[in-house]
Amino acid sequence: MELLATIALWAGLAFLMMRFGCGAHGTGHGRHNGGTPVEAGPGRTSSQRWTPPEKAIDPVCGETVRTANAKASLHEGHAYYFCSRDCREIFEAAPELYLAGDEPRPRQTEHSHA
């Protein structure tokens, strides 16, 4: 009987934590920070979404790429698009080499696309 009471106590505690505590976000009520919807913030509504530009310049080789087909990488909160996996991997190894200015810096090695 004591085991049953212990299980019930822990189950009740788990229920309360999921309902009102930090687990409440997992139950789908979608609110935090005092009841403000998670999607909304200063100057934003829940219907606003970020959409990528149609085209971008590969910061490694300077090629213009369509973002829908490009390889993407995030660096310090910015999305960068690449013509190939090789360009993306080169960028990710040393992004500071390619972000020093607004112009993409061509690589020192040959660049080819198969």
PDB file of N, CA and C in Angstrom:
ATOM      1  N   MET A   1       0.812  -1.184   0.000  1.00  0.00           N
ATOM      2  CA  MET A   1       0.000   0.000   0.000  1.00  0.00           C
ATOM      3  C   MET A   1       0.866   1.262   0.000  1.00  0.00           C
ATOM      4  N   GLU A   2       1.970   1.206   0.759  1.00  0.00           N
ATOM      5  CA  GLU A   2       2.870   2.351   0.820  1.00  0.00           C
ATOM      6  C   GLU A   2       3.490   2.618  -0.557  1.00  0.00           C
ATOM      7  N   LEU A   3       3.802   1.558  -1.304  1.00  0.00           N
ATOM      8  CA  LEU A   3       4.350   1.696  -2.647  1.00  0.00           C
ATOM      9  C   LEU A   3       3.347   2.381  -3.566  1.00  0.00           C
ATOM     10  N   LEU A   4       2.097   2.017  -3.467  1.00  0.00           N
ATOM     11  CA  LEU A   4       1.047   2.631  -4.282  1.00  0.00           C
ATOM     12  C   LEU A   4       0.914   4.124  -3.969  1.00  0.00           C
ATOM     13  N   ALA A   5       1.000   4.493  -2.712  1.00  0.00           N
ATOM     14  CA  ALA A   5       0.913   5.902  -2.316  1.00  0.00           C
ATOM     15  C   ALA A   5       2.121   6.680  -2.840  1.00  0.00           C
ATOM     16  N   THR A   6       3.295   6.077  -2.809  1.00  0.00           N
ATOM     17  CA  THR A   6       4.498   6.737  -3.315  1.00  0.00           C
ATOM     18  C   THR A   6       4.398   6.964  -4.825  1.00  0.00           C
ATOM     19  N   ILE A   7       3.931   5.966  -5.538  1.00  0.00           N
ATOM     20  CA  ILE A   7       3.752   6.085  -6.991  1.00  0.00           C
ATOM     21  C   ILE A   7       2.740   7.176  -7.304  1.00  0.00           C
ATOM     22  N   ALA A   8       1.641   7.211  -6.578  1.00  0.00           N
ATOM     23  CA  ALA A   8       0.619   8.232  -6.802  1.00  0.00           C
ATOM     24  C   ALA A   8       1.163   9.629  -6.521  1.00  0.00           C
ATOM     25  N   LEU A   9       1.962   9.762  -5.477  1.00  0.00           N
ATOM     26  CA  LEU A   9       2.559  11.052  -5.153  1.00  0.00           C
ATOM     27  C   LEU A   9       3.480  11.520  -6.275  1.00  0.00           C
ATOM     28  N   TRP A  10       4.351  10.641  -6.753  1.00  0.00           N
ATOM     29  CA  TRP A  10       5.261  11.012  -7.840  1.00  0.00           C
ATOM     30  C   TRP A  10       4.510  11.296  -9.136  1.00  0.00           C
ATOM     31  N   ALA A  11       3.479  10.527  -9.426  1.00  0.00           N
ATOM     32  CA  ALA A  11       2.679  10.764 -10.630  1.00  0.00           C
ATOM     33  C   ALA A  11       1.986  12.122 -10.542  1.00  0.00           C
ATOM     34  N   GLY A  12       1.454  12.446  -9.363  1.00  0.00           N
ATOM     35  CA  GLY A  12       0.814  13.748  -9.177  1.00  0.00           C
ATOM     36  C   GLY A  12       1.803  14.884  -9.329  1.00  0.00           C
ATOM     37  N   LEU A  13       2.992  14.723  -8.764  1.00  0.00           N
ATOM     38  CA  LEU A  13       4.024  15.735  -8.880  1.00  0.00           C
ATOM     39  C   LEU A  13       4.442  15.907 -10.347  1.00  0.00           C
ATOM     40  N   ALA A  14       4.617  14.822 -11.071  1.00  0.00           N
ATOM     41  CA  ALA A  14       4.969  14.888 -12.490  1.00  0.00           C
ATOM     42  C   ALA A  14       3.869  15.585 -13.284  1.00  0.00           C
ATOM     43  N   PHE A  15       2.615  15.276 -12.988  1.00  0.00           N
ATOM     44  CA  PHE A  15       1.491  15.922 -13.660  1.00  0.00           C
ATOM     45  C   PHE A  15       1.511  17.428 -13.429  1.00  0.00           C
ATOM     46  N   LEU A  16       1.705  17.853 -12.188  1.00  0.00           N
ATOM     47  CA  LEU A  16       1.725  19.281 -11.880  1.00  0.00           C
ATOM     48  C   LEU A  16       2.884  19.995 -12.576  1.00  0.00           C
ATOM     49  N   MET A  17       4.038  19.356 -12.617  1.00  0.00           N
ATOM     50  CA  MET A  17       5.179  19.976 -13.294  1.00  0.00           C
ATOM     51  C   MET A  17       4.937  20.084 -14.796  1.00  0.00           C
ATOM     52  N   MET A  18       4.345  19.066 -15.389  1.00  0.00           N
ATOM     53  CA  MET A  18       4.058  19.121 -16.818  1.00  0.00           C
ATOM     54  C   MET A  18       2.965  20.142 -17.128  1.00  0.00           C
ATOM     55  N   ARG A  19       2.028  20.268 -16.258  1.00  0.00           N
ATOM     56  CA  ARG A  19       0.900  21.178 -16.497  1.00  0.00           C
ATOM     57  C   ARG A  19       1.262  22.629 -16.240  1.00  0.00           C
ATOM     58  N   PHE A  20       1.999  22.897 -15.185  1.00  0.00           N
ATOM     59  CA  PHE A  20       2.263  24.273 -14.792  1.00  0.00           C
ATOM     60  C   PHE A  20       3.733  24.656 -14.784  1.00  0.00           C
ATOM     61  N   GLY A  21       4.612  23.703 -14.807  1.00  0.00           N
ATOM     62  CA  GLY A  21       6.044  23.993 -14.704  1.00  0.00           C
ATOM     63  C   GLY A  21       6.716  24.078 -16.055  1.00  0.00           C
ATOM     64  N   CYS A  22       8.011  23.818 -16.077  1.00  0.00           N
ATOM     65  CA  CYS A  22       8.790  23.955 -17.304  1.00  0.00           C
ATOM     66  C   CYS A  22       8.363  22.953 -18.365  1.00  0.00           C
ATOM     67  N   GLY A  23       7.747  21.867 -18.003  1.00  0.00           N
ATOM     68  CA  GLY A  23       7.270  20.908 -18.985  1.00  0.00           C
ATOM     69  C   GLY A  23       6.011  21.351 -19.691  1.00  0.00           C
ATOM     70  N   ALA A  24       5.417  22.457 -19.258  1.00  0.00           N
ATOM     71  CA  ALA A  24       4.170  22.928 -19.856  1.00  0.00           C
ATOM     72  C   ALA A  24       4.345  23.273 -21.331  1.00  0.00           C
ATOM     73  N   HIS A  25       5.553  23.671 -21.740  1.00  0.00           N
ATOM     74  CA  HIS A  25       5.775  23.993 -23.140  1.00  0.00           C
ATOM     75  C   HIS A  25       5.631  22.757 -24.011  1.00  0.00           C
ATOM     76  N   GLY A  26       5.978  21.617 -23.478  1.00  0.00           N
ATOM     77  CA  GLY A  26       5.859  20.382 -24.231  1.00  0.00           C
ATOM     78  C   GLY A  26       4.432  19.900 -24.361  1.00  0.00           C
ATOM     79  N   THR A  27       3.526  20.420 -23.541  1.00  0.00           N
ATOM     80  CA  THR A  27       2.144  19.975 -23.620  1.00  0.00           C
ATOM     81  C   THR A  27       1.346  20.760 -24.641  1.00  0.00           C
ATOM     82  N   GLY A  28       1.980  21.775 -25.261  1.00  0.00           N
ATOM     83  CA  GLY A  28       1.339  22.436 -26.375  1.00  0.00           C
ATOM     84  C   GLY A  28       0.539  23.668 -26.064  1.00  0.00           C
ATOM     85  N   HIS A  29       0.667  24.245 -24.881  1.00  0.00           N
ATOM     86  CA  HIS A  29      -0.139  25.438 -24.652  1.00  0.00           C
ATOM     87  C   HIS A  29       0.450  26.652 -25.348  1.00  0.00           C
ATOM     88  N   GLY A  30       1.726  26.595 -25.799  1.00  0.00           N
ATOM     89  CA  GLY A  30       2.299  27.609 -26.670  1.00  0.00           C
ATOM     90  C   GLY A  30       2.521  28.968 -26.058  1.00  0.00           C
ATOM     91  N   ARG A  31       2.621  29.097 -24.776  1.00  0.00           N
ATOM     92  CA  ARG A  31       2.841  30.390 -24.154  1.00  0.00           C
ATOM     93  C   ARG A  31       4.002  30.287 -23.177  1.00  0.00           C
ATOM     94  N   HIS A  32       4.712  31.403 -23.049  1.00  0.00           N
ATOM     95  CA  HIS A  32       5.722  31.524 -22.009  1.00  0.00           C
ATOM     96  C   HIS A  32       6.020  33.003 -21.828  1.00  0.00           C
ATOM     97  N   ASN A  33       6.846  33.349 -20.900  1.00  0.00           N
ATOM     98  CA  ASN A  33       7.120  34.748 -20.580  1.00  0.00           C
ATOM     99  C   ASN A  33       5.849  35.498 -20.204  1.00  0.00           C
ATOM    100  N   GLY A  34       5.126  34.997 -19.240  1.00  0.00           N
ATOM    101  CA  GLY A  34       3.950  35.692 -18.754  1.00  0.00           C
ATOM    102  C   GLY A  34       2.744  35.620 -19.654  1.00  0.00           C
ATOM    103  N   GLY A  35       2.627  34.600 -20.467  1.00  0.00           N
ATOM    104  CA  GLY A  35       1.448  34.446 -21.295  1.00  0.00           C
ATOM    105  C   GLY A  35       1.572  35.041 -22.688  1.00  0.00           C
ATOM    106  N   THR A  36       2.742  35.544 -23.070  1.00  0.00           N
ATOM    107  CA  THR A  36       2.933  36.072 -24.408  1.00  0.00           C
ATOM    108  C   THR A  36       3.144  34.907 -25.360  1.00  0.00           C
ATOM    109  N   PRO A  37       2.463  34.895 -26.514  1.00  0.00           N
ATOM    110  CA  PRO A  37       2.700  33.802 -27.457  1.00  0.00           C
ATOM    111  C   PRO A  37       4.175  33.738 -27.834  1.00  0.00           C
ATOM    112  N   VAL A  38       4.721  32.539 -27.944  1.00  0.00           N
ATOM    113  CA  VAL A  38       6.136  32.337 -28.218  1.00  0.00           C
ATOM    114  C   VAL A  38       6.521  32.967 -29.554  1.00  0.00           C
ATOM    115  N   GLU A  39       5.667  32.874 -30.564  1.00  0.00           N
ATOM    116  CA  GLU A  39       5.987  33.365 -31.888  1.00  0.00           C
ATOM    117  C   GLU A  39       6.041  34.887 -31.943  1.00  0.00           C
ATOM    118  N   ALA A  40       5.354  35.555 -31.066  1.00  0.00           N
ATOM    119  CA  ALA A  40       5.287  37.013 -31.124  1.00  0.00           C
ATOM    120  C   ALA A  40       6.422  37.624 -30.336  1.00  0.00           C
ATOM    121  N   GLY A  41       6.873  38.746 -30.785  1.00  0.00           N
ATOM    122  CA  GLY A  41       7.909  39.492 -30.096  1.00  0.00           C
ATOM    123  C   GLY A  41       7.716  40.956 -30.418  1.00  0.00           C
ATOM    124  N   PRO A  42       8.623  41.821 -29.970  1.00  0.00           N
ATOM    125  CA  PRO A  42       8.493  43.235 -30.269  1.00  0.00           C
ATOM    126  C   PRO A  42       8.449  43.487 -31.768  1.00  0.00           C
ATOM    127  N   GLY A  43       7.389  44.077 -32.255  1.00  0.00           N
ATOM    128  CA  GLY A  43       7.271  44.393 -33.674  1.00  0.00           C
ATOM    129  C   GLY A  43       6.976  43.207 -34.568  1.00  0.00           C
ATOM    130  N   ARG A  44       6.661  42.050 -34.006  1.00  0.00           N
ATOM    131  CA  ARG A  44       6.385  40.865 -34.809  1.00  0.00           C
ATOM    132  C   ARG A  44       5.012  40.327 -34.487  1.00  0.00           C
ATOM    133  N   THR A  45       4.419  39.709 -35.465  1.00  0.00           N
ATOM    134  CA  THR A  45       3.190  38.974 -35.222  1.00  0.00           C
ATOM    135  C   THR A  45       3.478  37.515 -35.495  1.00  0.00           C
ATOM    136  N   SER A  46       2.609  36.651 -35.056  1.00  0.00           N
ATOM    137  CA  SER A  46       2.847  35.223 -35.226  1.00  0.00           C
ATOM    138  C   SER A  46       2.782  34.804 -36.688  1.00  0.00           C
ATOM    139  N   SER A  47       2.240  35.645 -37.584  1.00  0.00           N
ATOM    140  CA  SER A  47       2.139  35.265 -38.990  1.00  0.00           C
ATOM    141  C   SER A  47       3.389  35.635 -39.789  1.00  0.00           C
ATOM    142  N   GLN A  48       4.342  36.397 -39.198  1.00  0.00           N
ATOM    143  CA  GLN A  48       5.558  36.768 -39.912  1.00  0.00           C
ATOM    144  C   GLN A  48       6.535  35.608 -39.910  1.00  0.00           C
ATOM    145  N   ARG A  49       7.121  35.354 -41.087  1.00  0.00           N
ATOM    146  CA  ARG A  49       8.113  34.293 -41.218  1.00  0.00           C
ATOM    147  C   ARG A  49       9.235  34.791 -42.091  1.00  0.00           C
ATOM    148  N   TRP A  50      10.442  34.311 -41.841  1.00  0.00           N
ATOM    149  CA  TRP A  50      11.583  34.668 -42.668  1.00  0.00           C
ATOM    150  C   TRP A  50      11.566  33.811 -43.909  1.00  0.00           C
ATOM    151  N   THR A  51      11.764  34.439 -45.058  1.00  0.00           N
ATOM    152  CA  THR A  51      11.893  33.699 -46.303  1.00  0.00           C
ATOM    153  C   THR A  51      13.224  34.079 -46.939  1.00  0.00           C
ATOM    154  N   PRO A  52      13.936  33.113 -47.481  1.00  0.00           N
ATOM    155  CA  PRO A  52      15.237  33.407 -48.072  1.00  0.00           C
ATOM    156  C   PRO A  52      15.073  34.182 -49.376  1.00  0.00           C
ATOM    157  N   PRO A  53      16.112  34.913 -49.782  1.00  0.00           N
ATOM    158  CA  PRO A  53      16.057  35.585 -51.080  1.00  0.00           C
ATOM    159  C   PRO A  53      16.061  34.534 -52.184  1.00  0.00           C
ATOM    160  N   GLU A  54      15.644  34.933 -53.367  1.00  0.00           N
ATOM    161  CA  GLU A  54      15.609  33.982 -54.482  1.00  0.00           C
ATOM    162  C   GLU A  54      17.016  33.571 -54.896  1.00  0.00           C
ATOM    163  N   LYS A  55      17.949  34.554 -54.908  1.00  0.00           N
ATOM    164  CA  LYS A  55      19.333  34.284 -55.299  1.00  0.00           C
ATOM    165  C   LYS A  55      20.280  34.872 -54.265  1.00  0.00           C
ATOM    166  N   ALA A  56      21.471  34.307 -54.189  1.00  0.00           N
ATOM    167  CA  ALA A  56      22.510  34.803 -53.283  1.00  0.00           C
ATOM    168  C   ALA A  56      23.869  34.551 -53.932  1.00  0.00           C
ATOM    169  N   ILE A  57      24.883  35.192 -53.387  1.00  0.00           N
ATOM    170  CA  ILE A  57      26.243  35.004 -53.902  1.00  0.00           C
ATOM    171  C   ILE A  57      27.008  34.097 -52.947  1.00  0.00           C
ATOM    172  N   ASP A  58      27.589  33.060 -53.511  1.00  0.00           N
ATOM    173  CA  ASP A  58      28.422  32.136 -52.741  1.00  0.00           C
ATOM    174  C   ASP A  58      29.628  32.923 -52.234  1.00  0.00           C
ATOM    175  N   PRO A  59      29.813  33.040 -50.902  1.00  0.00           N
ATOM    176  CA  PRO A  59      30.917  33.840 -50.392  1.00  0.00           C
ATOM    177  C   PRO A  59      32.298  33.246 -50.656  1.00  0.00           C
ATOM    178  N   VAL A  60      32.373  31.985 -51.047  1.00  0.00           N
ATOM    179  CA  VAL A  60      33.670  31.354 -51.294  1.00  0.00           C
ATOM    180  C   VAL A  60      34.133  31.612 -52.723  1.00  0.00           C
ATOM    181  N   CYS A  61      33.287  31.314 -53.706  1.00  0.00           N
ATOM    182  CA  CYS A  61      33.720  31.427 -55.101  1.00  0.00           C
ATOM    183  C   CYS A  61      33.101  32.612 -55.839  1.00  0.00           C
ATOM    184  N   GLY A  62      32.106  33.263 -55.246  1.00  0.00           N
ATOM    185  CA  GLY A  62      31.494  34.419 -55.880  1.00  0.00           C
ATOM    186  C   GLY A  62      30.402  34.095 -56.871  1.00  0.00           C
ATOM    187  N   GLU A  63      30.070  32.833 -57.033  1.00  0.00           N
ATOM    188  CA  GLU A  63      29.038  32.419 -57.982  1.00  0.00           C
ATOM    189  C   GLU A  63      27.653  32.792 -57.461  1.00  0.00           C
ATOM    190  N   THR A  64      26.768  33.226 -58.360  1.00  0.00           N
ATOM    191  CA  THR A  64      25.385  33.493 -57.991  1.00  0.00           C
ATOM    192  C   THR A  64      24.635  32.164 -57.982  1.00  0.00           C
ATOM    193  N   VAL A  65      23.939  31.892 -56.873  1.00  0.00           N
ATOM    194  CA  VAL A  65      23.220  30.620 -56.730  1.00  0.00           C
ATOM    195  C   VAL A  65      21.761  30.879 -56.405  1.00  0.00           C
ATOM    196  N   ARG A  66      20.912  29.977 -56.868  1.00  0.00           N
ATOM    197  CA  ARG A  66      19.495  30.018 -56.499  1.00  0.00           C
ATOM    198  C   ARG A  66      19.395  29.369 -55.117  1.00  0.00           C
ATOM    199  N   THR A  67      18.829  30.074 -54.155  1.00  0.00           N
ATOM    200  CA  THR A  67      18.814  29.585 -52.781  1.00  0.00           C
ATOM    201  C   THR A  67      17.983  28.314 -52.618  1.00  0.00           C
ATOM    202  N   ALA A  68      17.005  28.115 -53.479  1.00  0.00           N
ATOM    203  CA  ALA A  68      16.173  26.910 -53.372  1.00  0.00           C
ATOM    204  C   ALA A  68      16.992  25.644 -53.593  1.00  0.00           C
ATOM    205  N   ASN A  69      18.038  25.731 -54.418  1.00  0.00           N
ATOM    206  CA  ASN A  69      18.859  24.555 -54.735  1.00  0.00           C
ATOM    207  C   ASN A  69      20.230  24.586 -54.071  1.00  0.00           C
ATOM    208  N   ALA A  70      20.539  25.652 -53.355  1.00  0.00           N
ATOM    209  CA  ALA A  70      21.877  25.841 -52.799  1.00  0.00           C
ATOM    210  C   ALA A  70      22.075  25.061 -51.508  1.00  0.00           C
ATOM    211  N   LYS A  71      23.337  24.841 -51.195  1.00  0.00           N
ATOM    212  CA  LYS A  71      23.718  24.292 -49.895  1.00  0.00           C
ATOM    213  C   LYS A  71      23.795  25.478 -48.944  1.00  0.00           C
ATOM    214  N   ALA A  72      23.200  25.377 -47.771  1.00  0.00           N
ATOM    215  CA  ALA A  72      23.137  26.507 -46.844  1.00  0.00           C
ATOM    216  C   ALA A  72      23.937  26.232 -45.577  1.00  0.00           C
ATOM    217  N   SER A  73      24.356  27.321 -44.942  1.00  0.00           N
ATOM    218  CA  SER A  73      25.053  27.239 -43.668  1.00  0.00           C
ATOM    219  C   SER A  73      24.703  28.476 -42.861  1.00  0.00           C
ATOM    220  N   LEU A  74      24.565  28.303 -41.550  1.00  0.00           N
ATOM    221  CA  LEU A  74      24.317  29.432 -40.657  1.00  0.00           C
ATOM    222  C   LEU A  74      25.606  29.789 -39.944  1.00  0.00           C
ATOM    223  N   HIS A  75      25.892  31.087 -39.892  1.00  0.00           N
ATOM    224  CA  HIS A  75      27.070  31.576 -39.175  1.00  0.00           C
ATOM    225  C   HIS A  75      26.690  32.869 -38.485  1.00  0.00           C
ATOM    226  N   GLU A  76      26.798  32.895 -37.156  1.00  0.00           N
ATOM    227  CA  GLU A  76      26.470  34.055 -36.334  1.00  0.00           C
ATOM    228  C   GLU A  76      25.100  34.633 -36.680  1.00  0.00           C
ATOM    229  N   GLY A  77      24.128  33.759 -36.861  1.00  0.00           N
ATOM    230  CA  GLY A  77      22.752  34.174 -37.096  1.00  0.00           C
ATOM    231  C   GLY A  77      22.425  34.560 -38.526  1.00  0.00           C
ATOM    232  N   HIS A  78      23.356  34.427 -39.442  1.00  0.00           N
ATOM    233  CA  HIS A  78      23.120  34.767 -40.841  1.00  0.00           C
ATOM    234  C   HIS A  78      23.192  33.503 -41.683  1.00  0.00           C
ATOM    235  N   ALA A  79      22.330  33.415 -42.680  1.00  0.00           N
ATOM    236  CA  ALA A  79      22.333  32.283 -43.599  1.00  0.00           C
ATOM    237  C   ALA A  79      23.202  32.621 -44.797  1.00  0.00           C
ATOM    238  N   TYR A  80      24.058  31.695 -45.182  1.00  0.00           N
ATOM    239  CA  TYR A  80      24.904  31.833 -46.357  1.00  0.00           C
ATOM    240  C   TYR A  80      24.610  30.652 -47.271  1.00  0.00           C
ATOM    241  N   TYR A  81      24.643  30.895 -48.583  1.00  0.00           N
ATOM    242  CA  TYR A  81      24.284  29.884 -49.563  1.00  0.00           C
ATOM    243  C   TYR A  81      25.475  29.595 -50.461  1.00  0.00           C
ATOM    244  N   PHE A  82      25.632  28.306 -50.817  1.00  0.00           N
ATOM    245  CA  PHE A  82      26.809  27.863 -51.547  1.00  0.00           C
ATOM    246  C   PHE A  82      26.409  27.046 -52.759  1.00  0.00           C
ATOM    247  N   CYS A  83      27.262  27.102 -53.781  1.00  0.00           N
ATOM    248  CA  CYS A  83      26.996  26.378 -55.021  1.00  0.00           C
ATOM    249  C   CYS A  83      27.250  24.880 -54.869  1.00  0.00           C
ATOM    250  N   SER A  84      28.075  24.520 -53.901  1.00  0.00           N
ATOM    251  CA  SER A  84      28.419  23.110 -53.742  1.00  0.00           C
ATOM    252  C   SER A  84      28.730  22.800 -52.279  1.00  0.00           C
ATOM    253  N   ARG A  85      28.761  21.520 -51.988  1.00  0.00           N
ATOM    254  CA  ARG A  85      29.126  21.086 -50.645  1.00  0.00           C
ATOM    255  C   ARG A  85      30.570  21.460 -50.330  1.00  0.00           C
ATOM    256  N   ASP A  86      31.433  21.401 -51.347  1.00  0.00           N
ATOM    257  CA  ASP A  86      32.841  21.759 -51.139  1.00  0.00           C
ATOM    258  C   ASP A  86      32.987  23.212 -50.695  1.00  0.00           C
ATOM    259  N   CYS A  87      32.282  24.124 -51.368  1.00  0.00           N
ATOM    260  CA  CYS A  87      32.352  25.539 -50.984  1.00  0.00           C
ATOM    261  C   CYS A  87      31.824  25.734 -49.563  1.00  0.00           C
ATOM    262  N   ARG A  88      30.744  25.047 -49.236  1.00  0.00           N
ATOM    263  CA  ARG A  88      30.197  25.169 -47.882  1.00  0.00           C
ATOM    264  C   ARG A  88      31.195  24.682 -46.835  1.00  0.00           C
ATOM    265  N   GLU A  89      31.844  23.562 -47.082  1.00  0.00           N
ATOM    266  CA  GLU A  89      32.811  23.020 -46.125  1.00  0.00           C
ATOM    267  C   GLU A  89      34.028  23.930 -45.979  1.00  0.00           C
ATOM    268  N   ILE A  90      34.477  24.522 -47.076  1.00  0.00           N
ATOM    269  CA  ILE A  90      35.602  25.463 -47.014  1.00  0.00           C
ATOM    270  C   ILE A  90      35.217  26.669 -46.174  1.00  0.00           C
ATOM    271  N   PHE A  91      34.027  27.193 -46.388  1.00  0.00           N
ATOM    272  CA  PHE A  91      33.538  28.341 -45.617  1.00  0.00           C
ATOM    273  C   PHE A  91      33.435  28.000 -44.136  1.00  0.00           C
ATOM    274  N   GLU A  92      32.848  26.858 -43.825  1.00  0.00           N
ATOM    275  CA  GLU A  92      32.644  26.474 -42.425  1.00  0.00           C
ATOM    276  C   GLU A  92      33.965  26.248 -41.691  1.00  0.00           C
ATOM    277  N   ALA A  93      35.023  25.892 -42.420  1.00  0.00           N
ATOM    278  CA  ALA A  93      36.327  25.687 -41.793  1.00  0.00           C
ATOM    279  C   ALA A  93      36.959  27.010 -41.357  1.00  0.00           C
ATOM    280  N   ALA A  94      36.704  28.088 -42.096  1.00  0.00           N
ATOM    281  CA  ALA A  94      37.298  29.393 -41.768  1.00  0.00           C
ATOM    282  C   ALA A  94      36.425  30.522 -42.311  1.00  0.00           C
ATOM    283  N   PRO A  95      35.256  30.745 -41.734  1.00  0.00           N
ATOM    284  CA  PRO A  95      34.335  31.758 -42.278  1.00  0.00           C
ATOM    285  C   PRO A  95      34.901  33.171 -42.263  1.00  0.00           C
ATOM    286  N   GLU A  96      35.779  33.474 -41.312  1.00  0.00           N
ATOM    287  CA  GLU A  96      36.326  34.831 -41.222  1.00  0.00           C
ATOM    288  C   GLU A  96      37.125  35.209 -42.471  1.00  0.00           C
ATOM    289  N   LEU A  97      37.646  34.235 -43.198  1.00  0.00           N
ATOM    290  CA  LEU A  97      38.377  34.525 -44.430  1.00  0.00           C
ATOM    291  C   LEU A  97      37.468  35.049 -45.531  1.00  0.00           C
ATOM    292  N   TYR A  98      36.203  34.710 -45.479  1.00  0.00           N
ATOM    293  CA  TYR A  98      35.275  35.054 -46.547  1.00  0.00           C
ATOM    294  C   TYR A  98      34.296  36.156 -46.164  1.00  0.00           C
ATOM    295  N   LEU A  99      34.319  36.586 -44.914  1.00  0.00           N
ATOM    296  CA  LEU A  99      33.375  37.604 -44.462  1.00  0.00           C
ATOM    297  C   LEU A  99      34.057  38.912 -44.092  1.00  0.00           C
ATOM    298  N   ALA A 100      35.318  39.076 -44.450  1.00  0.00           N
ATOM    299  CA  ALA A 100      36.054  40.282 -44.088  1.00  0.00           C
ATOM    300  C   ALA A 100      35.473  41.526 -44.753  1.00  0.00           C
ATOM    301  N   GLY A 101      34.938  41.406 -45.945  1.00  0.00           N
ATOM    302  CA  GLY A 101      34.334  42.533 -46.649  1.00  0.00           C
ATOM    303  C   GLY A 101      33.026  42.120 -47.280  1.00  0.00           C
ATOM    304  N   ASP A 102      32.435  43.016 -48.010  1.00  0.00           N
ATOM    305  CA  ASP A 102      31.175  42.700 -48.675  1.00  0.00           C
ATOM    306  C   ASP A 102      31.381  41.822 -49.902  1.00  0.00           C
ATOM    307  N   GLU A 103      32.548  41.923 -50.531  1.00  0.00           N
ATOM    308  CA  GLU A 103      32.826  41.152 -51.730  1.00  0.00           C
ATOM    309  C   GLU A 103      33.268  39.736 -51.361  1.00  0.00           C
ATOM    310  N   PRO A 104      32.780  38.713 -52.061  1.00  0.00           N
ATOM    311  CA  PRO A 104      33.286  37.362 -51.816  1.00  0.00           C
ATOM    312  C   PRO A 104      34.755  37.293 -52.217  1.00  0.00           C
ATOM    313  N   ARG A 105      35.519  36.512 -51.481  1.00  0.00           N
ATOM    314  CA  ARG A 105      36.937  36.352 -51.778  1.00  0.00           C
ATOM    315  C   ARG A 105      37.126  35.021 -52.486  1.00  0.00           C
ATOM    316  N   PRO A 106      37.619  35.043 -53.714  1.00  0.00           N
ATOM    317  CA  PRO A 106      37.823  33.771 -54.415  1.00  0.00           C
ATOM    318  C   PRO A 106      38.888  32.928 -53.730  1.00  0.00           C
ATOM    319  N   ARG A 107      38.727  31.619 -53.838  1.00  0.00           N
ATOM    320  CA  ARG A 107      39.708  30.698 -53.261  1.00  0.00           C
ATOM    321  C   ARG A 107      41.000  30.766 -54.056  1.00  0.00           C
ATOM    322  N   GLN A 108      42.068  30.339 -53.428  1.00  0.00           N
ATOM    323  CA  GLN A 108      43.376  30.319 -54.075  1.00  0.00           C
ATOM    324  C   GLN A 108      43.532  29.077 -54.964  1.00  0.00           C
ATOM    325  N   THR A 109      42.699  28.065 -54.767  1.00  0.00           N
ATOM    326  CA  THR A 109      42.803  26.837 -55.559  1.00  0.00           C
ATOM    327  C   THR A 109      41.815  26.875 -56.705  1.00  0.00           C
ATOM    328  N   GLU A 110      41.945  25.908 -57.612  1.00  0.00           N
ATOM    329  CA  GLU A 110      41.009  25.830 -58.731  1.00  0.00           C
ATOM    330  C   GLU A 110      39.617  25.531 -58.207  1.00  0.00           C
ATOM    331  N   HIS A 111      38.615  26.035 -58.924  1.00  0.00           N
ATOM    332  CA  HIS A 111      37.232  25.819 -58.532  1.00  0.00           C
ATOM    333  C   HIS A 111      36.516  25.198 -59.701  1.00  0.00           C
ATOM    334  N   SER A 112      35.929  24.032 -59.462  1.00  0.00           N
ATOM    335  CA  SER A 112      35.179  23.376 -60.537  1.00  0.00           C
ATOM    336  C   SER A 112      33.946  22.720 -59.950  1.00  0.00           C
ATOM    337  N   HIS A 113      32.957  22.571 -60.772  1.00  0.00           N
ATOM    338  CA  HIS A 113      31.702  21.920 -60.378  1.00  0.00           C
ATOM    339  C   HIS A 113      31.502  20.716 -61.256  1.00  0.00           C
ATOM    340  N   ALA A 114      31.273  19.585 -60.623  1.00  0.00           N
ATOM    341  CA  ALA A 114      31.088  18.352 -61.377  1.00  0.00           C
ATOM    342  C   ALA A 114      29.631  18.136 -61.678  1.00  0.00           C
TER     343      ALA A 114
END
